[in-house]
Amino acid sequence: MTWQDRWQNSLMNNYGTPPLLITSGSGSRVWDDTGKDYLDMIAGIAVNAVGHAHPVVLEAISRQLSTLGHTSNLVATVGPIELAERLLSLLQAPNDARVFFCNSGTEANEAAFKLGRLTRRVHTVVAQGGFHGRTIGALSWTAQPAKQDPFRPLPGEVTVVPFGDAVALKEAVSDRTAAVVLEPIQGEGGVIVPPDGYLQHARAICDTHGALLMLDEVQTGIGRTGRWFDFQREGVTPDVLMLAKGLGGGFPIGACIAYGRAASYFGPGSHGSTFGGNPVACAAALAVLRVIEDDDLLTRANTLHGVLSQQLVARGSGLVTSVRGRGLLIAAVLDRDLGPDLEKAARAQGILVNSVAPDAIRLAPALTITDADIAEMLTRWERATSEVGG
């Protein structure tokens, strides 16, 4: 019996049957069950911020597991205290900001959803094409009909506006609005970058109406776009910030960070998570943050953005017309709707990427990817694009 048969005979079909069985990884390379190597240019969908099996992360996890793996939220451990303090420091957050730890981006958004409800308002404004998770609360904010429609009715009163349109946003928000929920860059929506100043407009609109500005940096945060948090480019301060993915570098952890009045909404018993903020996840996250800082990976992400923006087009065999995104969250835009074909051809050449839209390929490699791996990836990329676009 093949592994595909075993998968189909034991797992639900929500993912379909994956095309590969990956057995090991190191840095920005992974190997399948046949021994073939792949350059991992998607990094677990922007999760493996410092690559596979990074020694600093491995050492931190092993050391923590050897002393204390899990307790519960009935007692305190040092890890979540240190991690919360570190995140608040990186955010340059005011003294009234507070952190809630969970296990994923969806859970961080669910916590934010509940904070919104505690304003005693229920109306939320979100952006078309946005993605905030698949649990019922978060799904009500995920303005993608194919994901939402099978599960309606969804909770809350949600208005959807075009992403990046400050005028439409202003018209949608009122004194009844609990929150505006936005991604600084829409990742699952196609790596869509809004106009400069969009978050500043959103901040001002929320202030006018007493609504919370909630920023979903699950995909863009933790250095992915060349800043610790992408919203810092615009000098705004959110009321609620949601993080996950790259924070644990492959170990499940999420965070919902609230400022000001929003930070006081949860009282004892109002929310919780059995595994959220467990010592091992916090050790992994602290190690990831240390590697990013010590190796100056924010600068690295910005430098490689320039390289990839030029080379993905130059070596795209005429198929790639442009690149959008920031840092190492990138979409290679194609001149035709050949995204799925190119994803498959790239995989055959030993590159893992993601067709995030019919005409776009998403790349979100580890921030630690080497120059040698980039060079090899571009050679393989040229072969794949030539095959599809030739």
Protein backbone atom coordinates (compact mmCIF):
# COMPACT_ATOMS: atom_id res chain seq x y z
CA MET A 1 0.00 0.00 0.00
CA THR A 2 1.41 3.41 -0.97
CA TRP A 3 1.58 6.37 1.40
CA GLN A 4 -1.10 8.01 -0.75
CA ASP A 5 -3.42 5.05 -0.11
CA ARG A 6 -2.70 5.20 3.59
CA TRP A 7 -3.40 8.94 3.62
CA GLN A 8 -6.71 8.50 1.84
CA ASN A 9 -7.71 5.60 4.08
CA SER A 10 -7.04 7.41 7.36
CA LEU A 11 -7.29 11.20 6.96
CA MET A 12 -10.20 13.48 6.12
CA ASN A 13 -10.19 14.86 2.60
CA ASN A 14 -10.07 18.56 3.47
CA TYR A 15 -6.59 18.90 1.92
CA GLY A 16 -7.01 16.39 -0.88
CA THR A 17 -4.03 14.08 -1.28
CA PRO A 18 -0.72 15.96 -1.13
CA PRO A 19 1.70 15.54 -4.05
CA LEU A 20 4.75 14.80 -1.90
CA LEU A 21 5.79 12.95 1.23
CA ILE A 22 8.56 15.00 2.85
CA THR A 23 10.78 13.09 5.26
CA SER A 24 13.50 15.55 6.33
CA GLY A 25 14.73 19.11 6.02
CA SER A 26 17.74 21.28 6.73
CA GLY A 27 17.93 25.00 6.18
CA SER A 28 16.01 25.78 3.01
CA ARG A 29 16.10 22.26 1.60
CA VAL A 30 13.80 19.31 2.16
CA TRP A 31 13.89 15.72 0.92
CA ASP A 32 11.05 13.42 -0.05
CA ASP A 33 10.68 9.70 0.52
CA THR A 34 12.60 8.94 -2.69
CA GLY A 35 15.57 11.06 -1.62
CA LYS A 36 14.87 13.89 -4.07
CA ASP A 37 15.77 17.35 -2.76
CA TYR A 38 13.64 20.48 -3.05
CA LEU A 39 14.41 24.11 -2.39
CA ASP A 40 11.67 25.14 0.01
CA MET A 41 10.60 28.57 -1.23
CA ILE A 42 7.33 28.60 0.71
CA ALA A 43 8.68 27.62 4.16
CA GLY A 44 5.51 26.02 5.43
CA ILE A 45 3.55 29.05 4.12
CA ALA A 46 5.74 31.68 5.81
CA VAL A 47 6.16 29.60 8.99
CA ASN A 48 9.76 28.34 8.98
CA ALA A 49 11.28 31.78 9.47
CA VAL A 50 14.76 30.45 10.22
CA GLY A 51 14.55 27.34 8.06
CA HIS A 52 14.33 23.67 8.91
CA ALA A 53 16.18 22.22 11.90
CA HIS A 54 17.92 25.44 12.90
CA PRO A 55 20.43 24.49 15.62
CA VAL A 56 19.54 27.40 17.92
CA VAL A 57 15.84 26.53 17.82
CA LEU A 58 16.54 22.81 18.21
CA GLU A 59 18.73 23.45 21.23
CA ALA A 60 16.14 25.71 22.86
CA ILE A 61 13.31 23.21 22.37
CA SER A 62 15.41 20.26 23.58
CA ARG A 63 16.64 22.13 26.64
CA GLN A 64 13.13 23.19 27.58
CA LEU A 65 11.65 19.73 27.06
CA SER A 66 14.32 18.26 29.28
CA THR A 67 13.12 20.37 32.20
CA LEU A 68 9.44 21.21 31.69
CA GLY A 69 7.19 20.45 28.74
CA HIS A 70 3.71 21.46 29.83
CA THR A 71 1.88 22.52 32.96
CA SER A 72 -1.40 24.38 32.37
CA ASN A 73 -2.62 27.91 32.83
CA LEU A 74 -3.33 27.07 36.46
CA VAL A 75 0.29 28.01 37.19
CA ALA A 76 2.85 30.35 35.64
CA THR A 77 6.10 29.50 33.87
CA VAL A 78 8.93 31.80 32.86
CA GLY A 79 8.63 31.27 29.07
CA PRO A 80 5.43 33.19 28.35
CA ILE A 81 6.51 36.05 30.61
CA GLU A 82 9.83 36.41 28.77
CA LEU A 83 8.22 36.06 25.36
CA ALA A 84 5.46 38.57 26.11
CA GLU A 85 8.04 41.07 27.35
CA ARG A 86 10.17 40.50 24.25
CA LEU A 87 7.28 41.01 21.84
CA LEU A 88 6.12 44.16 23.62
CA SER A 89 9.67 45.48 23.45
CA LEU A 90 9.94 44.80 19.71
CA LEU A 91 6.58 46.51 19.24
CA GLN A 92 7.69 49.47 21.35
CA ALA A 93 4.27 49.04 22.88
CA PRO A 94 2.91 51.28 25.64
CA ASN A 95 2.86 50.05 29.21
CA ASP A 96 -0.83 49.17 29.01
CA ALA A 97 -0.39 46.58 26.21
CA ARG A 98 -0.97 42.93 27.08
CA VAL A 99 -0.45 39.55 25.34
CA PHE A 100 -2.58 36.41 25.06
CA PHE A 101 -0.84 33.28 23.76
CA CYS A 102 -2.55 30.54 21.77
CA ASN A 103 -1.54 27.93 19.17
CA SER A 104 -2.28 29.38 15.72
CA GLY A 105 -3.26 32.41 13.68
CA THR A 106 -6.89 31.36 13.62
CA GLU A 107 -6.92 31.20 17.41
CA ALA A 108 -5.30 34.63 17.64
CA ASN A 109 -8.08 35.97 15.42
CA GLU A 110 -10.74 34.19 17.49
CA ALA A 111 -9.38 35.96 20.58
CA ALA A 112 -9.55 39.25 18.69
CA PHE A 113 -13.12 38.43 17.63
CA LYS A 114 -14.11 38.05 21.27
CA LEU A 115 -12.36 41.30 22.21
CA GLY A 116 -14.47 42.99 19.56
CA ARG A 117 -17.62 41.59 21.11
CA LEU A 118 -16.64 43.01 24.48
CA THR A 119 -16.97 46.53 23.04
CA ARG A 120 -20.74 45.76 23.10
CA ARG A 121 -20.81 46.35 19.36
CA VAL A 122 -21.10 43.58 16.77
CA HIS A 123 -20.44 45.27 13.42
CA THR A 124 -17.03 44.57 11.85
CA VAL A 125 -15.49 45.85 8.63
CA VAL A 126 -13.08 43.61 6.71
CA ALA A 127 -11.41 43.67 3.30
CA GLN A 128 -12.39 41.71 0.24
CA GLY A 129 -9.96 38.83 -0.34
CA GLY A 130 -8.75 38.88 3.25
CA PHE A 131 -7.94 35.68 5.10
CA HIS A 132 -8.19 35.42 8.88
CA GLY A 133 -8.76 31.72 9.51
CA ARG A 134 -11.29 28.93 9.15
CA THR A 135 -12.94 28.55 12.55
CA ILE A 136 -16.43 30.01 12.58
CA GLY A 137 -15.62 33.37 14.17
CA ALA A 138 -12.47 33.96 12.13
CA LEU A 139 -14.19 32.64 9.02
CA SER A 140 -16.79 35.40 9.27
CA TRP A 141 -13.90 37.82 8.65
CA THR A 142 -12.39 35.77 5.80
CA ALA A 143 -13.96 37.54 2.85
CA GLN A 144 -13.54 34.72 0.35
CA PRO A 145 -16.94 33.26 -0.65
CA ALA A 146 -15.61 29.83 -1.60
CA LYS A 147 -14.40 29.36 1.98
CA GLN A 148 -17.40 30.98 3.66
CA ASP A 149 -20.47 29.88 1.71
CA PRO A 150 -20.65 26.21 2.81
CA PHE A 151 -20.74 27.30 6.46
CA ARG A 152 -23.28 30.10 6.45
CA PRO A 153 -24.89 31.59 8.46
CA LEU A 154 -21.77 33.02 10.05
CA PRO A 155 -21.77 35.06 13.27
CA GLY A 156 -21.76 38.81 13.50
CA GLU A 157 -22.57 41.65 11.19
CA VAL A 158 -19.70 42.00 8.74
CA THR A 159 -19.26 44.56 5.96
CA VAL A 160 -16.76 43.79 3.21
CA VAL A 161 -14.94 46.62 1.40
CA PRO A 162 -12.29 46.60 -1.36
CA PHE A 163 -8.79 46.20 0.06
CA GLY A 164 -6.73 49.38 -0.11
CA ASP A 165 -9.73 51.65 -0.75
CA ALA A 166 -9.68 54.22 2.07
CA VAL A 167 -12.82 55.96 0.79
CA ALA A 168 -14.85 52.74 0.88
CA LEU A 169 -13.50 51.99 4.33
CA LYS A 170 -14.53 55.40 5.62
CA GLU A 171 -18.04 54.95 4.24
CA ALA A 172 -18.44 51.52 5.86
CA VAL A 173 -17.35 52.41 9.40
CA SER A 174 -19.83 54.00 11.78
CA ASP A 175 -20.40 54.53 15.49
CA ARG A 176 -21.87 50.99 15.50
CA THR A 177 -18.60 49.42 14.35
CA ALA A 178 -16.69 47.30 16.84
CA ALA A 179 -13.57 46.78 14.74
CA VAL A 180 -11.85 47.15 11.41
CA VAL A 181 -9.80 44.02 10.63
CA LEU A 182 -7.04 44.26 8.02
CA GLU A 183 -3.87 42.57 6.84
CA PRO A 184 -1.03 45.01 6.04
CA ILE A 185 -0.44 42.81 2.97
CA GLN A 186 -2.99 40.23 1.91
CA GLY A 187 -1.08 36.95 1.83
CA GLU A 188 -3.69 34.34 0.91
CA GLY A 189 -5.45 36.98 -1.17
CA GLY A 190 -2.52 37.01 -3.61
CA VAL A 191 0.25 39.00 -1.87
CA ILE A 192 -1.60 42.24 -2.46
CA VAL A 193 0.06 45.43 -1.20
CA PRO A 194 -2.24 48.38 -0.42
CA PRO A 195 -1.41 51.99 -1.31
CA ASP A 196 0.95 53.88 0.98
CA GLY A 197 -0.89 55.48 3.86
CA TYR A 198 -3.76 52.99 3.87
CA LEU A 199 -3.20 51.94 7.48
CA GLN A 200 -2.91 55.58 8.54
CA HIS A 201 -6.32 56.22 6.99
CA ALA A 202 -7.70 53.14 8.76
CA ARG A 203 -6.31 54.36 12.09
CA ALA A 204 -7.91 57.79 11.68
CA ILE A 205 -11.27 56.29 10.66
CA CYS A 206 -11.31 54.00 13.68
CA ASP A 207 -10.41 56.87 15.99
CA THR A 208 -13.29 58.95 14.64
CA HIS A 209 -15.84 56.26 15.43
CA GLY A 210 -14.33 54.63 18.51
CA ALA A 211 -13.74 51.36 16.65
CA LEU A 212 -10.81 49.03 17.26
CA LEU A 213 -8.16 48.74 14.57
CA MET A 214 -7.17 45.07 14.43
CA LEU A 215 -4.18 44.14 12.29
CA ASP A 216 -3.68 40.53 11.24
CA GLU A 217 0.08 40.05 10.90
CA VAL A 218 -0.10 36.27 11.08
CA GLN A 219 1.70 36.06 7.73
CA THR A 220 3.51 39.42 7.54
CA GLY A 221 4.88 39.58 11.09
CA ILE A 222 8.16 38.43 12.65
CA GLY A 223 10.47 39.88 10.01
CA ARG A 224 8.75 38.41 6.97
CA THR A 225 8.49 41.77 5.15
CA GLY A 226 11.78 43.25 6.34
CA ARG A 227 10.38 44.83 9.50
CA TRP A 228 9.56 43.06 12.73
CA PHE A 229 5.93 43.95 12.01
CA ASP A 230 4.82 45.36 8.70
CA PHE A 231 2.48 47.97 10.18
CA GLN A 232 5.54 49.73 11.65
CA ARG A 233 6.28 51.12 8.18
CA GLU A 234 3.37 53.52 8.53
CA GLY A 235 3.96 54.57 12.11
CA VAL A 236 0.50 53.55 13.28
CA THR A 237 -0.46 51.78 16.49
CA PRO A 238 -3.15 49.10 16.30
CA ASP A 239 -5.58 48.34 19.11
CA VAL A 240 -5.17 44.61 18.54
CA LEU A 241 -2.40 42.71 16.72
CA MET A 242 -2.59 39.05 15.74
CA LEU A 243 0.56 36.94 15.21
CA ALA A 244 1.48 33.30 14.52
CA LYS A 245 3.26 31.47 11.65
CA GLY A 246 6.87 32.69 11.78
CA LEU A 247 6.74 33.35 15.53
CA GLY A 248 7.45 29.72 16.41
CA GLY A 249 9.60 28.92 13.40
CA GLY A 250 7.64 25.70 12.85
CA PHE A 251 6.47 25.13 16.42
CA PRO A 252 2.76 25.99 16.89
CA ILE A 253 2.22 29.29 18.68
CA GLY A 254 0.04 32.34 18.15
CA ALA A 255 -0.40 35.63 19.95
CA CYS A 256 -3.13 38.24 20.28
CA ILE A 257 -1.70 41.51 21.56
CA ALA A 258 -4.04 44.27 22.72
CA TYR A 259 -3.32 47.90 23.53
CA GLY A 260 -5.09 50.40 25.75
CA ARG A 261 -8.74 49.75 26.54
CA ALA A 262 -8.75 46.55 24.45
CA ALA A 263 -6.06 45.10 26.73
CA SER A 264 -8.41 45.30 29.71
CA TYR A 265 -11.40 43.53 28.16
CA PHE A 266 -10.46 39.98 29.12
CA GLY A 267 -10.90 39.22 32.78
CA PRO A 268 -10.31 35.93 34.63
CA GLY A 269 -12.29 33.16 32.96
CA SER A 270 -13.23 35.14 29.86
CA HIS A 271 -10.86 33.32 27.50
CA GLY A 272 -8.23 30.59 27.63
CA SER A 273 -6.16 27.93 25.90
CA THR A 274 -4.91 24.65 27.36
CA PHE A 275 -1.70 24.67 25.33
CA GLY A 276 -1.35 28.39 24.64
CA GLY A 277 1.93 29.81 25.90
CA ASN A 278 3.33 26.43 26.88
CA PRO A 279 7.04 26.47 27.83
CA VAL A 280 8.29 24.63 24.73
CA ALA A 281 6.45 26.86 22.23
CA CYS A 282 7.70 29.95 24.03
CA ALA A 283 11.27 28.62 24.02
CA ALA A 284 11.03 28.06 20.28
CA ALA A 285 9.68 31.56 19.70
CA LEU A 286 12.33 33.21 21.83
CA ALA A 287 15.01 31.32 19.89
CA VAL A 288 13.53 32.42 16.56
CA LEU A 289 13.50 36.06 17.65
CA ARG A 290 17.10 35.74 18.83
CA VAL A 291 18.27 34.30 15.50
CA ILE A 292 16.49 36.99 13.49
CA GLU A 293 18.09 39.72 15.58
CA ASP A 294 21.58 38.23 15.91
CA ASP A 295 21.85 37.45 12.19
CA ASP A 296 20.26 40.75 11.09
CA LEU A 297 17.68 38.90 9.03
CA LEU A 298 15.48 41.96 8.61
CA THR A 299 18.19 43.53 6.47
CA ARG A 300 18.64 40.19 4.72
CA ALA A 301 14.94 40.03 3.83
CA ASN A 302 15.04 43.49 2.27
CA THR A 303 18.23 42.73 0.33
CA LEU A 304 16.87 39.47 -1.06
CA HIS A 305 13.63 41.16 -2.04
CA GLY A 306 15.62 43.32 -4.44
CA VAL A 307 17.47 40.31 -5.84
CA LEU A 308 14.34 38.19 -6.33
CA SER A 309 12.26 41.05 -7.72
CA GLN A 310 14.76 41.41 -10.53
CA GLN A 311 15.80 37.82 -11.09
CA LEU A 312 12.39 36.12 -10.99
CA VAL A 313 11.40 38.29 -13.95
CA ALA A 314 14.76 38.18 -15.75
CA ARG A 315 14.86 34.39 -15.53
CA GLY A 316 11.13 33.90 -15.93
CA SER A 317 11.28 32.95 -19.62
CA GLY A 318 8.94 35.80 -20.56
CA LEU A 319 6.18 34.30 -18.43
CA VAL A 320 6.82 36.46 -15.34
CA THR A 321 5.87 40.10 -15.83
CA SER A 322 6.46 41.59 -12.38
CA VAL A 323 6.91 40.89 -8.69
CA ARG A 324 4.84 42.30 -5.84
CA GLY A 325 5.17 42.11 -2.08
CA ARG A 326 7.73 43.20 0.49
CA GLY A 327 10.74 41.53 2.03
CA LEU A 328 10.46 37.76 1.59
CA LEU A 329 6.71 37.71 1.05
CA ILE A 330 6.61 37.79 -2.74
CA ALA A 331 4.29 37.03 -5.62
CA ALA A 332 5.68 36.46 -9.11
CA VAL A 333 2.97 37.75 -11.44
CA LEU A 334 2.45 35.81 -14.69
CA ASP A 335 1.19 37.04 -18.04
CA ARG A 336 -1.38 34.23 -18.16
CA ASP A 337 -3.40 32.12 -15.75
CA LEU A 338 -0.76 29.41 -15.52
CA GLY A 339 -0.12 29.51 -11.78
CA PRO A 340 -1.11 25.90 -11.02
CA ASP A 341 0.87 24.65 -14.02
CA LEU A 342 3.96 26.55 -12.93
CA GLU A 343 3.65 25.33 -9.33
CA LYS A 344 3.63 21.75 -10.64
CA ALA A 345 6.52 22.36 -13.05
CA ALA A 346 8.54 24.03 -10.31
CA ARG A 347 7.96 21.05 -8.04
CA ALA A 348 9.18 18.72 -10.77
CA GLN A 349 12.35 20.85 -10.98
CA GLY A 350 12.80 20.71 -7.21
CA ILE A 351 11.26 23.99 -6.01
CA LEU A 352 8.36 24.26 -3.58
CA VAL A 353 6.18 27.30 -4.27
CA ASN A 354 2.47 28.07 -4.10
CA SER A 355 0.05 29.23 -6.77
CA VAL A 356 -1.69 31.82 -4.61
CA ALA A 357 -3.77 33.11 -7.54
CA PRO A 358 -4.39 31.87 -11.10
CA ASP A 359 -1.74 34.28 -12.38
CA ALA A 360 0.60 34.47 -9.39
CA ILE A 361 3.13 32.29 -7.61
CA ARG A 362 3.83 32.99 -3.94
CA LEU A 363 7.32 32.68 -2.50
CA ALA A 364 7.98 33.01 1.23
CA PRO A 365 11.33 31.34 1.87
CA ALA A 366 13.16 31.17 5.17
CA LEU A 367 14.80 34.45 6.15
CA THR A 368 18.00 32.41 6.48
CA ILE A 369 18.10 31.19 2.88
CA THR A 370 21.65 31.27 1.52
CA ASP A 371 22.96 32.94 -1.62
CA ALA A 372 23.87 29.50 -2.96
CA ASP A 373 20.31 28.25 -2.49
CA ILE A 374 18.93 31.37 -4.20
CA ALA A 375 21.27 30.82 -7.16
CA GLU A 376 20.26 27.16 -7.47
CA MET A 377 16.59 28.04 -7.12
CA LEU A 378 16.83 30.57 -9.97
CA THR A 379 18.42 27.98 -12.24
CA ARG A 380 15.58 25.57 -11.53
CA TRP A 381 13.04 28.42 -11.81
CA GLU A 382 14.27 29.24 -15.33
CA ARG A 383 13.82 25.63 -16.38
CA ALA A 384 10.31 25.50 -14.90
CA THR A 385 9.13 28.77 -16.44
CA SER A 386 10.59 27.81 -19.80
CA GLU A 387 8.67 24.55 -19.73
CA VAL A 388 5.35 26.22 -18.90
CA GLY A 389 5.66 29.44 -20.86
CA GLY A 390 7.61 28.25 -23.86
